[in-house]
Amino acid sequence: MKHSVNRPPSPDEDVADGSEKEELTLREIINVKLVESGEKENLMELVRDRLVESGWKDEMRIACREHVKKKGRKDVTVDELIRVITPKGRASVPDDVKQELLNRIQNFIGSVAAP
């Protein structure tokens, strides 16, 4: 059965055709829209700036140096450092940075979803 150019096939038509379509999750759709609009890069820059301003980046640098000092420079790999520091880094992101990012994403979704 041919599908109209103006409307997507109904779920019944898909089953009848035997075709399986990959469904995007809401998160994936939002990510695509963020990338297409260039807003994702803007948000990444915002987060980088806020983390520097809050001192988070310096804290992570210190944590990395302490771990290397404790283990010995020759006994630490980049992969190990990432594995050890990542949970600390994620847990220590300031709440106001998280909230600002969330607000910006919500505003973006609202502007894209508005007719």
PDB file of N, CA and C in Angstrom:
ATOM      1  N   MET A   1       0.849  -1.176   0.000  1.00  0.00           N
ATOM      2  CA  MET A   1       0.000   0.000   0.000  1.00  0.00           C
ATOM      3  C   MET A   1       0.892   1.236   0.000  1.00  0.00           C
ATOM      4  N   LYS A   2       0.607   2.190  -0.872  1.00  0.00           N
ATOM      5  CA  LYS A   2       1.359   3.431  -0.919  1.00  0.00           C
ATOM      6  C   LYS A   2       0.854   4.371   0.166  1.00  0.00           C
ATOM      7  N   HIS A   3       1.782   5.124   0.722  1.00  0.00           N
ATOM      8  CA  HIS A   3       1.430   6.084   1.759  1.00  0.00           C
ATOM      9  C   HIS A   3       1.342   7.477   1.153  1.00  0.00           C
ATOM     10  N   SER A   4       0.440   8.254   1.680  1.00  0.00           N
ATOM     11  CA  SER A   4       0.274   9.617   1.226  1.00  0.00           C
ATOM     12  C   SER A   4       1.523  10.425   1.558  1.00  0.00           C
ATOM     13  N   VAL A   5       1.837  11.363   0.701  1.00  0.00           N
ATOM     14  CA  VAL A   5       2.965  12.248   0.944  1.00  0.00           C
ATOM     15  C   VAL A   5       2.663  13.164   2.123  1.00  0.00           C
ATOM     16  N   ASN A   6       1.383  13.459   2.338  1.00  0.00           N
ATOM     17  CA  ASN A   6       0.985  14.431   3.346  1.00  0.00           C
ATOM     18  C   ASN A   6       0.756  13.852   4.732  1.00  0.00           C
ATOM     19  N   ARG A   7       0.733  12.549   4.860  1.00  0.00           N
ATOM     20  CA  ARG A   7       0.513  11.978   6.182  1.00  0.00           C
ATOM     21  C   ARG A   7       1.366  10.730   6.353  1.00  0.00           C
ATOM     22  N   PRO A   8       1.836  10.524   7.572  1.00  0.00           N
ATOM     23  CA  PRO A   8       2.611   9.312   7.823  1.00  0.00           C
ATOM     24  C   PRO A   8       1.687   8.102   7.857  1.00  0.00           C
ATOM     25  N   PRO A   9       2.224   6.920   7.649  1.00  0.00           N
ATOM     26  CA  PRO A   9       1.385   5.720   7.718  1.00  0.00           C
ATOM     27  C   PRO A   9       0.875   5.509   9.140  1.00  0.00           C
ATOM     28  N   SER A  10      -0.315   4.954   9.240  1.00  0.00           N
ATOM     29  CA  SER A  10      -0.861   4.653  10.562  1.00  0.00           C
ATOM     30  C   SER A  10      -0.175   3.414  11.099  1.00  0.00           C
ATOM     31  N   PRO A  11      -0.251   3.177  12.410  1.00  0.00           N
ATOM     32  CA  PRO A  11       0.367   1.975  12.981  1.00  0.00           C
ATOM     33  C   PRO A  11      -0.150   0.695  12.323  1.00  0.00           C
ATOM     34  N   ASP A  12      -1.432   0.652  11.977  1.00  0.00           N
ATOM     35  CA  ASP A  12      -2.001  -0.532  11.328  1.00  0.00           C
ATOM     36  C   ASP A  12      -1.351  -0.783   9.976  1.00  0.00           C
ATOM     37  N   GLU A  13      -1.098   0.282   9.234  1.00  0.00           N
ATOM     38  CA  GLU A  13      -0.471   0.137   7.926  1.00  0.00           C
ATOM     39  C   GLU A  13       0.943  -0.398   8.058  1.00  0.00           C
ATOM     40  N   ASP A  14       1.674   0.062   9.085  1.00  0.00           N
ATOM     41  CA  ASP A  14       3.031  -0.428   9.311  1.00  0.00           C
ATOM     42  C   ASP A  14       3.030  -1.920   9.576  1.00  0.00           C
ATOM     43  N   VAL A  15       2.114  -2.369  10.401  1.00  0.00           N
ATOM     44  CA  VAL A  15       2.026  -3.787  10.732  1.00  0.00           C
ATOM     45  C   VAL A  15       1.659  -4.578   9.490  1.00  0.00           C
ATOM     46  N   ALA A  16       0.721  -4.055   8.704  1.00  0.00           N
ATOM     47  CA  ALA A  16       0.286  -4.754   7.494  1.00  0.00           C
ATOM     48  C   ALA A  16       1.433  -4.867   6.493  1.00  0.00           C
ATOM     49  N   ASP A  17       2.271  -3.832   6.427  1.00  0.00           N
ATOM     50  CA  ASP A  17       3.403  -3.863   5.515  1.00  0.00           C
ATOM     51  C   ASP A  17       4.530  -4.745   6.039  1.00  0.00           C
ATOM     52  N   GLY A  18       4.523  -5.003   7.330  1.00  0.00           N
ATOM     53  CA  GLY A  18       5.577  -5.783   7.937  1.00  0.00           C
ATOM     54  C   GLY A  18       6.844  -4.974   8.166  1.00  0.00           C
ATOM     55  N   SER A  19       6.768  -3.669   7.983  1.00  0.00           N
ATOM     56  CA  SER A  19       7.960  -2.847   8.196  1.00  0.00           C
ATOM     57  C   SER A  19       8.067  -2.439   9.650  1.00  0.00           C
ATOM     58  N   GLU A  20       9.304  -2.412  10.124  1.00  0.00           N
ATOM     59  CA  GLU A  20       9.542  -1.973  11.498  1.00  0.00           C
ATOM     60  C   GLU A  20      10.287  -0.656  11.428  1.00  0.00           C
ATOM     61  N   LYS A  21       9.746   0.346  12.058  1.00  0.00           N
ATOM     62  CA  LYS A  21      10.367   1.657  12.067  1.00  0.00           C
ATOM     63  C   LYS A  21      10.982   1.902  13.432  1.00  0.00           C
ATOM     64  N   GLU A  22      12.130   2.525  13.412  1.00  0.00           N
ATOM     65  CA  GLU A  22      12.796   2.869  14.657  1.00  0.00           C
ATOM     66  C   GLU A  22      12.121   4.109  15.220  1.00  0.00           C
ATOM     67  N   GLU A  23      11.667   4.015  16.463  1.00  0.00           N
ATOM     68  CA  GLU A  23      11.029   5.157  17.095  1.00  0.00           C
ATOM     69  C   GLU A  23      12.043   5.929  17.911  1.00  0.00           C
ATOM     70  N   LEU A  24      12.008   7.239  17.769  1.00  0.00           N
ATOM     71  CA  LEU A  24      12.882   8.088  18.562  1.00  0.00           C
ATOM     72  C   LEU A  24      12.234   8.372  19.901  1.00  0.00           C
ATOM     73  N   THR A  25      13.020   8.359  20.922  1.00  0.00           N
ATOM     74  CA  THR A  25      12.502   8.729  22.230  1.00  0.00           C
ATOM     75  C   THR A  25      12.403  10.246  22.290  1.00  0.00           C
ATOM     76  N   LEU A  26      11.675  10.734  23.249  1.00  0.00           N
ATOM     77  CA  LEU A  26      11.530  12.176  23.427  1.00  0.00           C
ATOM     78  C   LEU A  26      12.902  12.815  23.644  1.00  0.00           C
ATOM     79  N   ARG A  27      13.730  12.160  24.422  1.00  0.00           N
ATOM     80  CA  ARG A  27      15.078  12.667  24.688  1.00  0.00           C
ATOM     81  C   ARG A  27      15.871  12.790  23.384  1.00  0.00           C
ATOM     82  N   GLU A  28      15.759  11.786  22.515  1.00  0.00           N
ATOM     83  CA  GLU A  28      16.479  11.816  21.241  1.00  0.00           C
ATOM     84  C   GLU A  28      15.952  12.927  20.334  1.00  0.00           C
ATOM     85  N   ILE A  29      14.655  13.118  20.331  1.00  0.00           N
ATOM     86  CA  ILE A  29      14.048  14.172  19.510  1.00  0.00           C
ATOM     87  C   ILE A  29      14.529  15.543  19.979  1.00  0.00           C
ATOM     88  N   ILE A  30      14.528  15.743  21.287  1.00  0.00           N
ATOM     89  CA  ILE A  30      14.992  17.015  21.841  1.00  0.00           C
ATOM     90  C   ILE A  30      16.452  17.234  21.485  1.00  0.00           C
ATOM     91  N   ASN A  31      17.263  16.192  21.611  1.00  0.00           N
ATOM     92  CA  ASN A  31      18.680  16.306  21.280  1.00  0.00           C
ATOM     93  C   ASN A  31      18.873  16.687  19.811  1.00  0.00           C
ATOM     94  N   VAL A  32      18.111  16.070  18.921  1.00  0.00           N
ATOM     95  CA  VAL A  32      18.210  16.392  17.493  1.00  0.00           C
ATOM     96  C   VAL A  32      17.867  17.856  17.268  1.00  0.00           C
ATOM     97  N   LYS A  33      16.789  18.322  17.880  1.00  0.00           N
ATOM     98  CA  LYS A  33      16.373  19.720  17.722  1.00  0.00           C
ATOM     99  C   LYS A  33      17.434  20.675  18.275  1.00  0.00           C
ATOM    100  N   LEU A  34      18.023  20.317  19.422  1.00  0.00           N
ATOM    101  CA  LEU A  34      19.075  21.144  20.012  1.00  0.00           C
ATOM    102  C   LEU A  34      20.278  21.245  19.077  1.00  0.00           C
ATOM    103  N   VAL A  35      20.666  20.133  18.487  1.00  0.00           N
ATOM    104  CA  VAL A  35      21.817  20.117  17.589  1.00  0.00           C
ATOM    105  C   VAL A  35      21.507  20.901  16.313  1.00  0.00           C
ATOM    106  N   GLU A  36      20.353  20.636  15.711  1.00  0.00           N
ATOM    107  CA  GLU A  36      19.974  21.298  14.459  1.00  0.00           C
ATOM    108  C   GLU A  36      19.911  22.814  14.600  1.00  0.00           C
ATOM    109  N   SER A  37      19.451  23.277  15.741  1.00  0.00           N
ATOM    110  CA  SER A  37      19.290  24.716  15.944  1.00  0.00           C
ATOM    111  C   SER A  37      20.573  25.408  16.379  1.00  0.00           C
ATOM    112  N   GLY A  38      21.561  24.622  16.792  1.00  0.00           N
ATOM    113  CA  GLY A  38      22.791  25.212  17.312  1.00  0.00           C
ATOM    114  C   GLY A  38      22.709  25.524  18.792  1.00  0.00           C
ATOM    115  N   GLU A  39      21.562  25.283  19.388  1.00  0.00           N
ATOM    116  CA  GLU A  39      21.368  25.592  20.809  1.00  0.00           C
ATOM    117  C   GLU A  39      22.200  24.679  21.706  1.00  0.00           C
ATOM    118  N   LYS A  40      22.459  23.466  21.270  1.00  0.00           N
ATOM    119  CA  LYS A  40      23.250  22.544  22.100  1.00  0.00           C
ATOM    120  C   LYS A  40      24.641  23.120  22.344  1.00  0.00           C
ATOM    121  N   GLU A  41      25.251  23.655  21.309  1.00  0.00           N
ATOM    122  CA  GLU A  41      26.587  24.254  21.475  1.00  0.00           C
ATOM    123  C   GLU A  41      26.524  25.458  22.404  1.00  0.00           C
ATOM    124  N   ASN A  42      25.459  26.259  22.296  1.00  0.00           N
ATOM    125  CA  ASN A  42      25.284  27.401  23.194  1.00  0.00           C
ATOM    126  C   ASN A  42      25.171  26.938  24.653  1.00  0.00           C
ATOM    127  N   LEU A  43      24.417  25.861  24.866  1.00  0.00           N
ATOM    128  CA  LEU A  43      24.244  25.330  26.219  1.00  0.00           C
ATOM    129  C   LEU A  43      25.556  24.761  26.757  1.00  0.00           C
ATOM    130  N   MET A  44      26.309  24.101  25.897  1.00  0.00           N
ATOM    131  CA  MET A  44      27.602  23.558  26.317  1.00  0.00           C
ATOM    132  C   MET A  44      28.541  24.694  26.752  1.00  0.00           C
ATOM    133  N   GLU A  45      28.538  25.762  25.990  1.00  0.00           N
ATOM    134  CA  GLU A  45      29.372  26.917  26.324  1.00  0.00           C
ATOM    135  C   GLU A  45      28.918  27.545  27.641  1.00  0.00           C
ATOM    136  N   LEU A  46      27.617  27.660  27.830  1.00  0.00           N
ATOM    137  CA  LEU A  46      27.068  28.195  29.067  1.00  0.00           C
ATOM    138  C   LEU A  46      27.531  27.366  30.267  1.00  0.00           C
ATOM    139  N   VAL A  47      27.423  26.044  30.166  1.00  0.00           N
ATOM    140  CA  VAL A  47      27.819  25.165  31.268  1.00  0.00           C
ATOM    141  C   VAL A  47      29.319  25.300  31.536  1.00  0.00           C
ATOM    142  N   ARG A  48      30.128  25.303  30.474  1.00  0.00           N
ATOM    143  CA  ARG A  48      31.584  25.467  30.655  1.00  0.00           C
ATOM    144  C   ARG A  48      31.883  26.756  31.403  1.00  0.00           C
ATOM    145  N   ASP A  49      31.264  27.852  30.975  1.00  0.00           N
ATOM    146  CA  ASP A  49      31.499  29.150  31.624  1.00  0.00           C
ATOM    147  C   ASP A  49      31.074  29.131  33.089  1.00  0.00           C
ATOM    148  N   ARG A  50      29.893  28.574  33.360  1.00  0.00           N
ATOM    149  CA  ARG A  50      29.389  28.550  34.735  1.00  0.00           C
ATOM    150  C   ARG A  50      30.253  27.671  35.653  1.00  0.00           C
ATOM    151  N   LEU A  51      30.746  26.564  35.109  1.00  0.00           N
ATOM    152  CA  LEU A  51      31.597  25.681  35.916  1.00  0.00           C
ATOM    153  C   LEU A  51      32.931  26.346  36.239  1.00  0.00           C
ATOM    154  N   VAL A  52      33.453  27.111  35.297  1.00  0.00           N
ATOM    155  CA  VAL A  52      34.687  27.855  35.563  1.00  0.00           C
ATOM    156  C   VAL A  52      34.419  28.933  36.615  1.00  0.00           C
ATOM    157  N   GLU A  53      33.335  29.692  36.434  1.00  0.00           N
ATOM    158  CA  GLU A  53      32.977  30.772  37.359  1.00  0.00           C
ATOM    159  C   GLU A  53      32.773  30.261  38.781  1.00  0.00           C
ATOM    160  N   SER A  54      32.178  29.067  38.901  1.00  0.00           N
ATOM    161  CA  SER A  54      31.863  28.529  40.229  1.00  0.00           C
ATOM    162  C   SER A  54      33.069  27.903  40.927  1.00  0.00           C
ATOM    163  N   GLY A  55      34.168  27.732  40.197  1.00  0.00           N
ATOM    164  CA  GLY A  55      35.342  27.099  40.786  1.00  0.00           C
ATOM    165  C   GLY A  55      35.345  25.584  40.651  1.00  0.00           C
ATOM    166  N   TRP A  56      34.319  25.039  40.025  1.00  0.00           N
ATOM    167  CA  TRP A  56      34.215  23.590  39.859  1.00  0.00           C
ATOM    168  C   TRP A  56      35.395  23.028  39.075  1.00  0.00           C
ATOM    169  N   LYS A  57      35.766  23.714  38.004  1.00  0.00           N
ATOM    170  CA  LYS A  57      36.869  23.238  37.165  1.00  0.00           C
ATOM    171  C   LYS A  57      38.165  23.161  37.963  1.00  0.00           C
ATOM    172  N   ASP A  58      38.416  24.161  38.793  1.00  0.00           N
ATOM    173  CA  ASP A  58      39.621  24.151  39.633  1.00  0.00           C
ATOM    174  C   ASP A  58      39.576  23.014  40.650  1.00  0.00           C
ATOM    175  N   GLU A  59      38.391  22.771  41.211  1.00  0.00           N
ATOM    176  CA  GLU A  59      38.233  21.659  42.161  1.00  0.00           C
ATOM    177  C   GLU A  59      38.552  20.323  41.496  1.00  0.00           C
ATOM    178  N   MET A  60      38.091  20.148  40.270  1.00  0.00           N
ATOM    179  CA  MET A  60      38.348  18.895  39.556  1.00  0.00           C
ATOM    180  C   MET A  60      39.829  18.756  39.212  1.00  0.00           C
ATOM    181  N   ARG A  61      40.449  19.847  38.860  1.00  0.00           N
ATOM    182  CA  ARG A  61      41.888  19.831  38.570  1.00  0.00           C
ATOM    183  C   ARG A  61      42.663  19.408  39.826  1.00  0.00           C
ATOM    184  N   ILE A  62      42.281  19.959  40.965  1.00  0.00           N
ATOM    185  CA  ILE A  62      42.937  19.616  42.234  1.00  0.00           C
ATOM    186  C   ILE A  62      42.705  18.144  42.571  1.00  0.00           C
ATOM    187  N   ALA A  63      41.472  17.674  42.372  1.00  0.00           N
ATOM    188  CA  ALA A  63      41.159  16.270  42.655  1.00  0.00           C
ATOM    189  C   ALA A  63      42.000  15.346  41.774  1.00  0.00           C
ATOM    190  N   CYS A  64      42.178  15.719  40.533  1.00  0.00           N
ATOM    191  CA  CYS A  64      43.007  14.913  39.625  1.00  0.00           C
ATOM    192  C   CYS A  64      44.458  14.894  40.094  1.00  0.00           C
ATOM    193  N   ARG A  65      44.971  16.038  40.438  1.00  0.00           N
ATOM    194  CA  ARG A  65      46.365  16.114  40.901  1.00  0.00           C
ATOM    195  C   ARG A  65      46.572  15.306  42.178  1.00  0.00           C
ATOM    196  N   GLU A  66      45.605  15.389  43.096  1.00  0.00           N
ATOM    197  CA  GLU A  66      45.720  14.624  44.341  1.00  0.00           C
ATOM    198  C   GLU A  66      45.721  13.125  44.074  1.00  0.00           C
ATOM    199  N   HIS A  67      44.865  12.687  43.156  1.00  0.00           N
ATOM    200  CA  HIS A  67      44.801  11.258  42.827  1.00  0.00           C
ATOM    201  C   HIS A  67      46.122  10.793  42.201  1.00  0.00           C
ATOM    202  N   VAL A  68      46.664  11.601  41.296  1.00  0.00           N
ATOM    203  CA  VAL A  68      47.929  11.254  40.651  1.00  0.00           C
ATOM    204  C   VAL A  68      49.059  11.228  41.678  1.00  0.00           C
ATOM    205  N   LYS A  69      49.055  12.193  42.568  1.00  0.00           N
ATOM    206  CA  LYS A  69      50.091  12.261  43.606  1.00  0.00           C
ATOM    207  C   LYS A  69      50.019  11.033  44.518  1.00  0.00           C
ATOM    208  N   LYS A  70      48.793  10.640  44.869  1.00  0.00           N
ATOM    209  CA  LYS A  70      48.575   9.493  45.757  1.00  0.00           C
ATOM    210  C   LYS A  70      49.010   8.182  45.096  1.00  0.00           C
ATOM    211  N   LYS A  71      48.664   7.999  43.837  1.00  0.00           N
ATOM    212  CA  LYS A  71      48.953   6.743  43.131  1.00  0.00           C
ATOM    213  C   LYS A  71      50.360   6.716  42.522  1.00  0.00           C
ATOM    214  N   GLY A  72      50.894   7.866  42.250  1.00  0.00           N
ATOM    215  CA  GLY A  72      52.177   7.926  41.552  1.00  0.00           C
ATOM    216  C   GLY A  72      51.949   8.192  40.078  1.00  0.00           C
ATOM    217  N   ARG A  73      52.714   9.098  39.560  1.00  0.00           N
ATOM    218  CA  ARG A  73      52.524   9.564  38.183  1.00  0.00           C
ATOM    219  C   ARG A  73      52.575   8.423  37.163  1.00  0.00           C
ATOM    220  N   LYS A  74      53.457   7.478  37.368  1.00  0.00           N
ATOM    221  CA  LYS A  74      53.623   6.397  36.397  1.00  0.00           C
ATOM    222  C   LYS A  74      52.566   5.309  36.532  1.00  0.00           C
ATOM    223  N   ASP A  75      51.844   5.310  37.636  1.00  0.00           N
ATOM    224  CA  ASP A  75      50.865   4.251  37.892  1.00  0.00           C
ATOM    225  C   ASP A  75      49.423   4.655  37.604  1.00  0.00           C
ATOM    226  N   VAL A  76      49.220   5.834  37.039  1.00  0.00           N
ATOM    227  CA  VAL A  76      47.867   6.314  36.766  1.00  0.00           C
ATOM    228  C   VAL A  76      47.663   6.429  35.256  1.00  0.00           C
ATOM    229  N   THR A  77      46.556   5.871  34.788  1.00  0.00           N
ATOM    230  CA  THR A  77      46.200   6.025  33.378  1.00  0.00           C
ATOM    231  C   THR A  77      45.086   7.065  33.256  1.00  0.00           C
ATOM    232  N   VAL A  78      44.929   7.584  32.078  1.00  0.00           N
ATOM    233  CA  VAL A  78      43.860   8.549  31.832  1.00  0.00           C
ATOM    234  C   VAL A  78      42.506   7.886  32.086  1.00  0.00           C
ATOM    235  N   ASP A  79      42.347   6.645  31.627  1.00  0.00           N
ATOM    236  CA  ASP A  79      41.077   5.938  31.832  1.00  0.00           C
ATOM    237  C   ASP A  79      40.757   5.789  33.314  1.00  0.00           C
ATOM    238  N   GLU A  80      41.753   5.460  34.114  1.00  0.00           N
ATOM    239  CA  GLU A  80      41.539   5.324  35.558  1.00  0.00           C
ATOM    240  C   GLU A  80      41.151   6.664  36.166  1.00  0.00           C
ATOM    241  N   LEU A  81      41.832   7.709  35.756  1.00  0.00           N
ATOM    242  CA  LEU A  81      41.544   9.048  36.276  1.00  0.00           C
ATOM    243  C   LEU A  81      40.108   9.447  35.945  1.00  0.00           C
ATOM    244  N   ILE A  82      39.685   9.174  34.733  1.00  0.00           N
ATOM    245  CA  ILE A  82      38.309   9.484  34.332  1.00  0.00           C
ATOM    246  C   ILE A  82      37.325   8.670  35.175  1.00  0.00           C
ATOM    247  N   ARG A  83      37.619   7.394  35.358  1.00  0.00           N
ATOM    248  CA  ARG A  83      36.729   6.513  36.131  1.00  0.00           C
ATOM    249  C   ARG A  83      36.603   6.978  37.584  1.00  0.00           C
ATOM    250  N   VAL A  84      37.683   7.456  38.163  1.00  0.00           N
ATOM    251  CA  VAL A  84      37.677   7.877  39.564  1.00  0.00           C
ATOM    252  C   VAL A  84      37.063   9.268  39.736  1.00  0.00           C
ATOM    253  N   ILE A  85      37.398  10.179  38.851  1.00  0.00           N
ATOM    254  CA  ILE A  85      36.996  11.583  39.015  1.00  0.00           C
ATOM    255  C   ILE A  85      35.577  11.867  38.522  1.00  0.00           C
ATOM    256  N   THR A  86      35.112  11.156  37.513  1.00  0.00           N
ATOM    257  CA  THR A  86      33.785  11.433  36.936  1.00  0.00           C
ATOM    258  C   THR A  86      32.657  11.420  37.967  1.00  0.00           C
ATOM    259  N   PRO A  87      32.543  10.407  38.821  1.00  0.00           N
ATOM    260  CA  PRO A  87      31.451  10.443  39.806  1.00  0.00           C
ATOM    261  C   PRO A  87      31.547  11.651  40.750  1.00  0.00           C
ATOM    262  N   LYS A  88      32.757  11.988  41.160  1.00  0.00           N
ATOM    263  CA  LYS A  88      32.944  13.168  42.027  1.00  0.00           C
ATOM    264  C   LYS A  88      32.536  14.441  41.286  1.00  0.00           C
ATOM    265  N   GLY A  89      32.935  14.521  40.038  1.00  0.00           N
ATOM    266  CA  GLY A  89      32.625  15.702  39.236  1.00  0.00           C
ATOM    267  C   GLY A  89      31.135  15.880  39.027  1.00  0.00           C
ATOM    268  N   ARG A  90      30.460  14.805  38.684  1.00  0.00           N
ATOM    269  CA  ARG A  90      29.003  14.892  38.463  1.00  0.00           C
ATOM    270  C   ARG A  90      28.273  15.261  39.744  1.00  0.00           C
ATOM    271  N   ALA A  91      28.712  14.694  40.845  1.00  0.00           N
ATOM    272  CA  ALA A  91      28.044  14.950  42.126  1.00  0.00           C
ATOM    273  C   ALA A  91      28.290  16.377  42.631  1.00  0.00           C
ATOM    274  N   SER A  92      29.369  16.995  42.179  1.00  0.00           N
ATOM    275  CA  SER A  92      29.713  18.310  42.724  1.00  0.00           C
ATOM    276  C   SER A  92      29.338  19.481  41.822  1.00  0.00           C
ATOM    277  N   VAL A  93      28.627  19.225  40.731  1.00  0.00           N
ATOM    278  CA  VAL A  93      28.158  20.336  39.893  1.00  0.00           C
ATOM    279  C   VAL A  93      27.179  21.158  40.721  1.00  0.00           C
ATOM    280  N   PRO A  94      27.406  22.468  40.817  1.00  0.00           N
ATOM    281  CA  PRO A  94      26.527  23.306  41.637  1.00  0.00           C
ATOM    282  C   PRO A  94      25.065  23.241  41.185  1.00  0.00           C
ATOM    283  N   ASP A  95      24.165  23.232  42.164  1.00  0.00           N
ATOM    284  CA  ASP A  95      22.730  23.153  41.865  1.00  0.00           C
ATOM    285  C   ASP A  95      22.251  24.312  41.001  1.00  0.00           C
ATOM    286  N   ASP A  96      22.804  25.508  41.210  1.00  0.00           N
ATOM    287  CA  ASP A  96      22.352  26.649  40.408  1.00  0.00           C
ATOM    288  C   ASP A  96      22.743  26.490  38.933  1.00  0.00           C
ATOM    289  N   VAL A  97      23.852  25.816  38.663  1.00  0.00           N
ATOM    290  CA  VAL A  97      24.239  25.556  37.278  1.00  0.00           C
ATOM    291  C   VAL A  97      23.271  24.554  36.656  1.00  0.00           C
ATOM    292  N   LYS A  98      22.941  23.512  37.401  1.00  0.00           N
ATOM    293  CA  LYS A  98      21.974  22.520  36.917  1.00  0.00           C
ATOM    294  C   LYS A  98      20.622  23.175  36.641  1.00  0.00           C
ATOM    295  N   GLN A  99      20.187  24.031  37.561  1.00  0.00           N
ATOM    296  CA  GLN A  99      18.884  24.684  37.422  1.00  0.00           C
ATOM    297  C   GLN A  99      18.865  25.624  36.226  1.00  0.00           C
ATOM    298  N   GLU A 100      19.938  26.377  36.041  1.00  0.00           N
ATOM    299  CA  GLU A 100      19.992  27.288  34.890  1.00  0.00           C
ATOM    300  C   GLU A 100      19.936  26.507  33.579  1.00  0.00           C
ATOM    301  N   LEU A 101      20.664  25.408  33.514  1.00  0.00           N
ATOM    302  CA  LEU A 101      20.646  24.573  32.312  1.00  0.00           C
ATOM    303  C   LEU A 101      19.250  24.006  32.075  1.00  0.00           C
ATOM    304  N   LEU A 102      18.625  23.507  33.126  1.00  0.00           N
ATOM    305  CA  LEU A 102      17.271  22.960  33.012  1.00  0.00           C
ATOM    306  C   LEU A 102      16.297  24.020  32.514  1.00  0.00           C
ATOM    307  N   ASN A 103      16.392  25.225  33.063  1.00  0.00           N
ATOM    308  CA  ASN A 103      15.508  26.320  32.635  1.00  0.00           C
ATOM    309  C   ASN A 103      15.702  26.651  31.159  1.00  0.00           C
ATOM    310  N   ARG A 104      16.945  26.692  30.728  1.00  0.00           N
ATOM    311  CA  ARG A 104      17.224  27.001  29.321  1.00  0.00           C
ATOM    312  C   ARG A 104      16.675  25.912  28.400  1.00  0.00           C
ATOM    313  N   ILE A 105      16.814  24.653  28.802  1.00  0.00           N
ATOM    314  CA  ILE A 105      16.290  23.550  27.991  1.00  0.00           C
ATOM    315  C   ILE A 105      14.773  23.606  27.942  1.00  0.00           C
ATOM    316  N   GLN A 106      14.135  23.865  29.081  1.00  0.00           N
ATOM    317  CA  GLN A 106      12.674  23.970  29.114  1.00  0.00           C
ATOM    318  C   GLN A 106      12.190  25.115  28.233  1.00  0.00           C
ATOM    319  N   ASN A 107      12.870  26.247  28.287  1.00  0.00           N
ATOM    320  CA  ASN A 107      12.499  27.383  27.443  1.00  0.00           C
ATOM    321  C   ASN A 107      12.653  27.036  25.967  1.00  0.00           C
ATOM    322  N   PHE A 108      13.721  26.316  25.636  1.00  0.00           N
ATOM    323  CA  PHE A 108      13.946  25.894  24.258  1.00  0.00           C
ATOM    324  C   PHE A 108      12.819  24.980  23.790  1.00  0.00           C
ATOM    325  N   ILE A 109      12.477  24.004  24.616  1.00  0.00           N
ATOM    326  CA  ILE A 109      11.403  23.069  24.257  1.00  0.00           C
ATOM    327  C   ILE A 109      10.096  23.829  24.062  1.00  0.00           C
ATOM    328  N   GLY A 110       9.828  24.772  24.962  1.00  0.00           N
ATOM    329  CA  GLY A 110       8.613  25.574  24.836  1.00  0.00           C
ATOM    330  C   GLY A 110       8.582  26.387  23.558  1.00  0.00           C
ATOM    331  N   SER A 111       9.725  26.916  23.157  1.00  0.00           N
ATOM    332  CA  SER A 111       9.763  27.727  21.930  1.00  0.00           C
ATOM    333  C   SER A 111       9.652  26.865  20.677  1.00  0.00           C
ATOM    334  N   VAL A 112      10.164  25.658  20.719  1.00  0.00           N
ATOM    335  CA  VAL A 112      10.082  24.762  19.567  1.00  0.00           C
ATOM    336  C   VAL A 112       8.679  24.160  19.458  1.00  0.00           C
ATOM    337  N   ALA A 113       8.069  23.879  20.600  1.00  0.00           N
ATOM    338  CA  ALA A 113       6.748  23.231  20.616  1.00  0.00           C
ATOM    339  C   ALA A 113       5.609  24.213  20.334  1.00  0.00           C
ATOM    340  N   ALA A 114       5.876  25.505  20.527  1.00  0.00           N
ATOM    341  CA  ALA A 114       4.823  26.509  20.318  1.00  0.00           C
ATOM    342  C   ALA A 114       4.510  26.611  18.820  1.00  0.00           C
ATOM    343  N   PRO A 115       3.233  26.682  18.497  1.00  0.00           N
ATOM    344  CA  PRO A 115       2.838  26.770  17.071  1.00  0.00           C
ATOM    345  C   PRO A 115       3.194  28.083  16.432  1.00  0.00           C
TER     346      PRO A 115
END
